[in-house]
C-alpha atoms as a PDB file:
ATOM      1  CA  MET A   1     127.307  60.629  16.701  1.00  0.00           C
ATOM      2  CA  PRO A   2     128.888  61.318  20.166  1.00  0.00           C
ATOM      3  CA  ASP A   3     129.713  58.236  22.660  1.00  0.00           C
ATOM      4  CA  ALA A   4     127.013  59.166  25.239  1.00  0.00           C
ATOM      5  CA  ASN A   5     124.075  58.292  22.402  1.00  0.00           C
ATOM      6  CA  ARG A   6     125.564  55.298  20.866  1.00  0.00           C
ATOM      7  CA  CYS A   7     122.519  53.815  18.413  1.00  0.00           C
ATOM      8  CA  ASP A   8     122.775  49.559  17.906  1.00  0.00           C
ATOM      9  CA  LEU A   9     123.520  50.552  14.363  1.00  0.00           C
ATOM     10  CA  LEU A  10     124.631  53.274  11.641  1.00  0.00           C
ATOM     11  CA  SER A  11     124.033  52.696   8.222  1.00  0.00           C
ATOM     12  CA  THR A  12     126.245  55.599   6.467  1.00  0.00           C
ATOM     13  CA  ILE A  13     125.518  56.553   2.942  1.00  0.00           C
ATOM     14  CA  ARG A  14     127.358  59.431   1.574  1.00  0.00           C
ATOM     15  CA  ASN A  15     126.837  62.183   4.382  1.00  0.00           C
ATOM     16  CA  THR A  16     123.590  60.894   5.512  1.00  0.00           C
ATOM     17  CA  ASP A  17     123.260  58.380   8.425  1.00  0.00           C
ATOM     18  CA  LEU A  18     120.535  56.339   9.117  1.00  0.00           C
ATOM     19  CA  PRO A  19     120.310  54.960  12.961  1.00  0.00           C
ATOM     20  CA  ILE A  20     118.841  51.909  13.227  1.00  0.00           C
ATOM     21  CA  GLU A  21     117.656  50.785  17.207  1.00  0.00           C
ATOM     22  CA  ILE A  22     117.018  47.288  17.942  1.00  0.00           C
ATOM     23  CA  LYS A  23     114.957  45.798  21.044  1.00  0.00           C
ATOM     24  CA  GLY A  24     113.807  42.734  21.399  1.00  0.00           C
ATOM     25  CA  GLN A  25     110.228  41.897  22.501  1.00  0.00           C
ATOM     26  CA  TRP A  26     111.155  41.286  25.839  1.00  0.00           C
ATOM     27  CA  HIS A  27     113.046  44.181  26.313  1.00  0.00           C
ATOM     28  CA  SER A  28     111.925  46.873  29.072  1.00  0.00           C
ATOM     29  CA  ASN A  29     111.955  49.919  26.820  1.00  0.00           C
ATOM     30  CA  VAL A  30     110.358  48.414  23.929  1.00  0.00           C
ATOM     31  CA  TRP A  31     107.473  50.990  24.348  1.00  0.00           C
ATOM     32  CA  ASP A  32     109.525  53.972  24.428  1.00  0.00           C
ATOM     33  CA  ALA A  33     112.879  53.259  23.020  1.00  0.00           C
ATOM     34  CA  ALA A  34     111.526  54.427  19.903  1.00  0.00           C
ATOM     35  CA  CYS A  35     110.860  57.977  20.859  1.00  0.00           C
ATOM     36  CA  ASP A  36     113.107  58.173  24.117  1.00  0.00           C
ATOM     37  CA  GLN A  37     116.505  56.595  21.998  1.00  0.00           C
ATOM     38  CA  LEU A  38     115.429  57.137  18.105  1.00  0.00           C
ATOM     39  CA  GLU A  39     113.636  60.307  17.656  1.00  0.00           C
ATOM     40  CA  ASP A  40     115.055  61.924  20.933  1.00  0.00           C
ATOM     41  CA  ASN A  41     118.412  60.905  20.517  1.00  0.00           C
ATOM     42  CA  TYR A  42     119.867  59.525  17.432  1.00  0.00           C
ATOM     43  CA  ALA A  43     117.512  60.957  14.552  1.00  0.00           C
ATOM     44  CA  ARG A  44     118.229  64.410  16.080  1.00  0.00           C
ATOM     45  CA  ASN A  45     122.085  63.939  14.678  1.00  0.00           C
ATOM     46  CA  TYR A  46     122.448  66.767  12.030  1.00  0.00           C
ATOM     47  CA  ARG A  47     123.496  64.215   9.389  1.00  0.00           C
ATOM     48  CA  SER A  48     120.720  62.019  10.595  1.00  0.00           C
ATOM     49  CA  GLU A  49     117.705  64.427   9.348  1.00  0.00           C
ATOM     50  CA  GLY A  50     115.435  63.236  11.372  1.00  0.00           C
ATOM     51  CA  ARG A  51     115.479  59.485  10.535  1.00  0.00           C
ATOM     52  CA  GLY A  52     115.874  56.286  11.963  1.00  0.00           C
ATOM     53  CA  ILE A  53     114.441  52.626  12.092  1.00  0.00           C
ATOM     54  CA  TYR A  54     113.435  50.986  15.131  1.00  0.00           C
ATOM     55  CA  LEU A  55     113.488  47.547  14.872  1.00  0.00           C
ATOM     56  CA  VAL A  56     111.756  45.243  17.043  1.00  0.00           C
ATOM     57  CA  LEU A  57     112.654  41.458  17.086  1.00  0.00           C
ATOM     58  CA  TRP A  58     109.291  39.468  17.274  1.00  0.00           C
ATOM     59  CA  PHE A  59     109.341  35.351  18.102  1.00  0.00           C
ATOM     60  CA  GLY A  60     106.233  35.083  19.400  1.00  0.00           C
ATOM     61  CA  HIS A  61     104.536  33.759  22.554  1.00  0.00           C
ATOM     62  CA  VAL A  62     108.021  32.250  23.975  1.00  0.00           C
ATOM     63  CA  PRO A  63     107.637  31.768  28.008  1.00  0.00           C
ATOM     64  CA  ARG A  64     110.216  34.142  30.174  1.00  0.00           C
ATOM     65  CA  PHE A  65     110.565  36.270  26.939  1.00  0.00           C
ATOM     66  CA  ASN A  66     106.784  38.255  26.621  1.00  0.00           C
ATOM     67  CA  PRO A  67     106.639  42.105  25.823  1.00  0.00           C
ATOM     68  CA  PRO A  68     107.068  43.689  29.297  1.00  0.00           C
ATOM     69  CA  GLY A  69     103.838  44.146  31.051  1.00  0.00           C
ATOM     70  CA  ALA A  70     101.612  41.292  28.934  1.00  0.00           C
ATOM     71  CA  ARG A  71      99.789  40.145  31.788  1.00  0.00           C
ATOM     72  CA  GLU A  72      98.747  43.352  32.534  1.00  0.00           C
ATOM     73  CA  TYR A  73      97.590  43.952  29.198  1.00  0.00           C
ATOM     74  CA  GLY A  74      97.506  41.166  27.030  1.00  0.00           C
ATOM     75  CA  LYS A  75      99.896  39.339  25.055  1.00  0.00           C
ATOM     76  CA  PRO A  76     100.377  40.588  21.191  1.00  0.00           C
ATOM     77  CA  LYS A  77      98.762  37.472  19.018  1.00  0.00           C
ATOM     78  CA  ASP A  78     101.402  38.453  16.138  1.00  0.00           C
ATOM     79  CA  ALA A  79     103.716  41.178  14.743  1.00  0.00           C
ATOM     80  CA  SER A  80     101.021  43.283  13.708  1.00  0.00           C
ATOM     81  CA  GLU A  81      99.481  43.240  17.014  1.00  0.00           C
ATOM     82  CA  MET A  82     102.979  44.062  18.448  1.00  0.00           C
ATOM     83  CA  LEU A  83     102.971  47.370  16.222  1.00  0.00           C
ATOM     84  CA  ALA A  84      99.574  48.592  17.236  1.00  0.00           C
ATOM     85  CA  ALA A  85     100.703  48.073  20.975  1.00  0.00           C
ATOM     86  CA  ILE A  86     103.966  50.070  20.404  1.00  0.00           C
ATOM     87  CA  TYR A  87     101.949  52.841  19.139  1.00  0.00           C
ATOM     88  CA  ALA A  88      99.191  52.473  21.759  1.00  0.00           C
ATOM     89  CA  ARG A  89     101.904  52.685  24.286  1.00  0.00           C
ATOM     90  CA  SER A  90     104.171  55.002  23.364  1.00  0.00           C
ATOM     91  CA  PRO A  91     104.749  58.440  25.261  1.00  0.00           C
ATOM     92  CA  LYS A  92     104.223  60.374  21.941  1.00  0.00           C
ATOM     93  CA  THR A  93     102.175  59.956  18.996  1.00  0.00           C
ATOM     94  CA  SER A  94     104.230  61.827  16.299  1.00  0.00           C
ATOM     95  CA  GLY A  95     107.461  61.613  14.337  1.00  0.00           C
ATOM     96  CA  ALA A  96     109.219  58.134  14.849  1.00  0.00           C
ATOM     97  CA  CYS A  97     106.831  57.220  17.562  1.00  0.00           C
ATOM     98  CA  GLY A  98     103.490  57.531  15.161  1.00  0.00           C
ATOM     99  CA  PRO A  99     102.826  55.615  11.620  1.00  0.00           C
ATOM    100  CA  ALA A 100     105.063  56.370   8.923  1.00  0.00           C
ATOM    101  CA  ASP A 101     102.237  57.830   7.050  1.00  0.00           C
ATOM    102  CA  ALA A 102      98.792  59.313   8.536  1.00  0.00           C
ATOM    103  CA  GLN A 103      97.012  56.992   6.277  1.00  0.00           C
ATOM    104  CA  GLN A 104      98.821  53.779   7.345  1.00  0.00           C
ATOM    105  CA  ALA A 105      96.665  51.775  10.074  1.00  0.00           C
ATOM    106  CA  PRO A 106      99.143  50.198  12.743  1.00  0.00           C
ATOM    107  CA  GLY A 107      99.857  46.918  11.931  1.00  0.00           C
ATOM    108  CA  ARG A 108      99.798  47.644   7.666  1.00  0.00           C
ATOM    109  CA  HIS A 109     103.336  47.527   6.313  1.00  0.00           C
ATOM    110  CA  ARG A 110     104.659  48.911   3.452  1.00  0.00           C
ATOM    111  CA  SER A 111     106.051  46.246   1.184  1.00  0.00           C
ATOM    112  CA  SER A 112     109.880  46.347   0.987  1.00  0.00           C
ATOM    113  CA  SER A 113     109.322  45.436  -2.913  1.00  0.00           C
ATOM    114  CA  ARG A 114     109.816  47.929  -5.999  1.00  0.00           C
ATOM    115  CA  THR A 115     108.121  45.533  -8.542  1.00  0.00           C
ATOM    116  CA  GLN A 116     104.230  45.969  -7.531  1.00  0.00           C
END
């Protein structure tokens, strides 16, 4: 990836890159980085094939480290509410900025276990 557009982590498997953008719940760009950084920049790389991971570090209610705008919009009570807030406050509603599966509601996560 060009130096001007460096993601936080990059996983490369064979000829495919998987950019990973990480934000803490307190970061001023937590609401729009999935769109503005991951989708619009890193996932557009020809080796990323439109893929990427947006990882938000969630620690719950922590004084002085709550999501920006928490006083105005309310503090998310758990990670599911934080995920729903990211979708609701995102500047876009498709691609990396919307649910990975149209049938999957915000706040419902796919299991990483393959033995279900």
